[in-house]
Amino acid sequence: MSPEFHHYPKILSNLSPSPPVVEWMSRSKGPLAKKIFKGVLVAELMGVFGAYFLFNKMNTSQDFRHTMSKKFPFILEVYYKSIEHSGMYGIREQDQEKWLSNKN
């Protein structure tokens, strides 16, 4: 190893914060980190419950699926694909038949 590299460990060890600084940083950021964690957790839970509510509403109401097909067709497509992935086929076709017969 060349002589200039022998000083790096000593220089880097001098850059590390002293224990009082580490304690101060952990105390000052602890409540903020907890608030951020709680906020993220609440957002995740709201997302899960919102997705469940939306799926349940689409699963039980053909009229709601029709509304979703007009306003948010990409969400309805995700619903159809998830239902078909679970092994339930024919819901998309039933919806299309009913909506076409209502137009006529």
C-alpha atoms as a PDB file:
ATOM      1  CA  MET A   1       0.000   0.000   0.000  1.00  0.00           C
ATOM      2  CA  SER A   2       1.271   3.448  -0.767  1.00  0.00           C
ATOM      3  CA  PRO A   3       2.046   5.789   2.162  1.00  0.00           C
ATOM      4  CA  GLU A   4      -0.780   8.255   1.449  1.00  0.00           C
ATOM      5  CA  PHE A   5      -3.430   5.557   2.111  1.00  0.00           C
ATOM      6  CA  HIS A   6      -2.213   4.875   5.640  1.00  0.00           C
ATOM      7  CA  HIS A   7      -3.745   8.111   6.898  1.00  0.00           C
ATOM      8  CA  TYR A   8      -7.311   7.474   5.677  1.00  0.00           C
ATOM      9  CA  PRO A   9      -8.496   5.264   8.560  1.00  0.00           C
ATOM     10  CA  LYS A  10      -7.256   7.825  11.060  1.00  0.00           C
ATOM     11  CA  ILE A  11      -8.868  10.718   9.151  1.00  0.00           C
ATOM     12  CA  LEU A  12     -12.178   8.867   8.777  1.00  0.00           C
ATOM     13  CA  SER A  13     -12.253   7.930  12.456  1.00  0.00           C
ATOM     14  CA  ASN A  14     -11.899  11.634  13.282  1.00  0.00           C
ATOM     15  CA  LEU A  15     -14.982  12.400  11.138  1.00  0.00           C
ATOM     16  CA  SER A  16     -17.367  10.169  13.065  1.00  0.00           C
ATOM     17  CA  PRO A  17     -19.637  12.082  15.457  1.00  0.00           C
ATOM     18  CA  SER A  18     -18.967  11.933  19.136  1.00  0.00           C
ATOM     19  CA  PRO A  19     -21.484  10.052  21.316  1.00  0.00           C
ATOM     20  CA  PRO A  20     -23.240  13.205  22.637  1.00  0.00           C
ATOM     21  CA  VAL A  21     -23.928  14.300  19.045  1.00  0.00           C
ATOM     22  CA  VAL A  22     -25.326  10.852  18.205  1.00  0.00           C
ATOM     23  CA  GLU A  23     -27.571  10.944  21.285  1.00  0.00           C
ATOM     24  CA  TRP A  24     -28.778  14.459  20.397  1.00  0.00           C
ATOM     25  CA  MET A  25     -29.543  13.404  16.812  1.00  0.00           C
ATOM     26  CA  SER A  26     -31.430  10.290  17.903  1.00  0.00           C
ATOM     27  CA  ARG A  27     -33.477  12.245  20.451  1.00  0.00           C
ATOM     28  CA  SER A  28     -34.385  15.040  18.069  1.00  0.00           C
ATOM     29  CA  LYS A  29     -35.341  12.797  15.144  1.00  0.00           C
ATOM     30  CA  GLY A  30     -37.137  10.113  17.160  1.00  0.00           C
ATOM     31  CA  PRO A  31     -40.531  11.857  17.435  1.00  0.00           C
ATOM     32  CA  LEU A  32     -40.378  12.976  13.805  1.00  0.00           C
ATOM     33  CA  ALA A  33     -39.593   9.443  12.641  1.00  0.00           C
ATOM     34  CA  LYS A  34     -42.493   8.109  14.710  1.00  0.00           C
ATOM     35  CA  LYS A  35     -44.868  10.671  13.190  1.00  0.00           C
ATOM     36  CA  ILE A  36     -43.715   9.819   9.683  1.00  0.00           C
ATOM     37  CA  PHE A  37     -44.072   6.098  10.391  1.00  0.00           C
ATOM     38  CA  LYS A  38     -47.578   6.582  11.801  1.00  0.00           C
ATOM     39  CA  GLY A  39     -48.536   8.713   8.797  1.00  0.00           C
ATOM     40  CA  VAL A  40     -47.307   6.093   6.353  1.00  0.00           C
ATOM     41  CA  LEU A  41     -49.058   3.347   8.318  1.00  0.00           C
ATOM     42  CA  VAL A  42     -52.353   5.272   8.330  1.00  0.00           C
ATOM     43  CA  ALA A  43     -52.043   5.935   4.586  1.00  0.00           C
ATOM     44  CA  GLU A  44     -51.385   2.233   3.937  1.00  0.00           C
ATOM     45  CA  LEU A  45     -54.377   1.175   6.024  1.00  0.00           C
ATOM     46  CA  MET A  46     -56.628   3.681   4.279  1.00  0.00           C
ATOM     47  CA  GLY A  47     -55.428   2.346   0.936  1.00  0.00           C
ATOM     48  CA  VAL A  48     -56.118  -1.257   1.906  1.00  0.00           C
ATOM     49  CA  PHE A  49     -59.591  -0.485   3.257  1.00  0.00           C
ATOM     50  CA  GLY A  50     -60.362   1.727   0.255  1.00  0.00           C
ATOM     51  CA  ALA A  51     -59.330  -1.030  -2.154  1.00  0.00           C
ATOM     52  CA  TYR A  52     -61.439  -3.552  -0.224  1.00  0.00           C
ATOM     53  CA  PHE A  53     -64.466  -1.231  -0.262  1.00  0.00           C
ATOM     54  CA  LEU A  54     -64.081  -0.578  -3.986  1.00  0.00           C
ATOM     55  CA  PHE A  55     -63.640  -4.269  -4.799  1.00  0.00           C
ATOM     56  CA  ASN A  56     -66.622  -5.241  -2.641  1.00  0.00           C
ATOM     57  CA  LYS A  57     -68.819  -2.590  -4.245  1.00  0.00           C
ATOM     58  CA  MET A  58     -67.826  -3.705  -7.757  1.00  0.00           C
ATOM     59  CA  ASN A  59     -68.280  -7.344  -6.804  1.00  0.00           C
ATOM     60  CA  THR A  60     -71.850  -6.834  -5.566  1.00  0.00           C
ATOM     61  CA  SER A  61     -73.279  -4.173  -7.878  1.00  0.00           C
ATOM     62  CA  GLN A  62     -73.504  -4.442 -11.645  1.00  0.00           C
ATOM     63  CA  ASP A  63     -74.757  -0.853 -11.799  1.00  0.00           C
ATOM     64  CA  PHE A  64     -71.646   0.337  -9.982  1.00  0.00           C
ATOM     65  CA  ARG A  65     -69.496  -1.608 -12.447  1.00  0.00           C
ATOM     66  CA  HIS A  66     -71.334   0.184 -15.250  1.00  0.00           C
ATOM     67  CA  THR A  67     -70.559   3.549 -13.625  1.00  0.00           C
ATOM     68  CA  MET A  68     -66.919   2.490 -13.247  1.00  0.00           C
ATOM     69  CA  SER A  69     -66.788   1.478 -16.919  1.00  0.00           C
ATOM     70  CA  LYS A  70     -67.727   5.035 -17.894  1.00  0.00           C
ATOM     71  CA  LYS A  71     -65.590   6.956 -15.385  1.00  0.00           C
ATOM     72  CA  PHE A  72     -62.630   4.669 -14.624  1.00  0.00           C
ATOM     73  CA  PRO A  73     -62.417   1.868 -17.207  1.00  0.00           C
ATOM     74  CA  PHE A  74     -58.841   0.971 -16.221  1.00  0.00           C
ATOM     75  CA  ILE A  75     -59.947   0.194 -12.653  1.00  0.00           C
ATOM     76  CA  LEU A  76     -62.785  -1.978 -13.940  1.00  0.00           C
ATOM     77  CA  GLU A  77     -60.282  -3.815 -16.151  1.00  0.00           C
ATOM     78  CA  VAL A  78     -58.139  -4.554 -13.085  1.00  0.00           C
ATOM     79  CA  TYR A  79     -61.267  -5.868 -11.337  1.00  0.00           C
ATOM     80  CA  TYR A  80     -62.142  -8.148 -14.266  1.00  0.00           C
ATOM     81  CA  LYS A  81     -58.588  -9.470 -14.523  1.00  0.00           C
ATOM     82  CA  SER A  82     -58.382 -10.187 -10.786  1.00  0.00           C
ATOM     83  CA  ILE A  83     -61.719 -12.026 -10.874  1.00  0.00           C
ATOM     84  CA  GLU A  84     -60.643 -14.039 -13.915  1.00  0.00           C
ATOM     85  CA  HIS A  85     -57.295 -14.780 -12.271  1.00  0.00           C
ATOM     86  CA  SER A  86     -59.138 -16.221  -9.275  1.00  0.00           C
ATOM     87  CA  GLY A  87     -61.033 -18.592 -11.576  1.00  0.00           C
ATOM     88  CA  MET A  88     -64.379 -16.806 -11.911  1.00  0.00           C
ATOM     89  CA  TYR A  89     -65.194 -16.306 -15.572  1.00  0.00           C
ATOM     90  CA  GLY A  90     -68.187 -14.780 -17.333  1.00  0.00           C
ATOM     91  CA  ILE A  91     -68.793 -11.636 -15.268  1.00  0.00           C
ATOM     92  CA  ARG A  92     -67.366  -9.379 -17.961  1.00  0.00           C
ATOM     93  CA  GLU A  93     -69.571 -11.034 -20.589  1.00  0.00           C
ATOM     94  CA  GLN A  94     -72.697 -10.787 -18.394  1.00  0.00           C
ATOM     95  CA  ASP A  95     -72.043  -7.089 -17.848  1.00  0.00           C
ATOM     96  CA  GLN A  96     -71.531  -6.414 -21.534  1.00  0.00           C
ATOM     97  CA  GLU A  97     -74.706  -8.314 -22.480  1.00  0.00           C
ATOM     98  CA  LYS A  98     -76.801  -6.394 -19.960  1.00  0.00           C
ATOM     99  CA  TRP A  99     -75.349  -3.013 -20.922  1.00  0.00           C
ATOM    100  CA  LEU A 100     -75.888  -3.704 -24.628  1.00  0.00           C
ATOM    101  CA  SER A 101     -79.487  -4.826 -24.031  1.00  0.00           C
ATOM    102  CA  ASN A 102     -80.175  -1.668 -21.983  1.00  0.00           C
ATOM    103  CA  LYS A 103     -78.969   0.508 -24.877  1.00  0.00           C
ATOM    104  CA  ASN A 104     -81.478  -1.064 -27.286  1.00  0.00           C
END
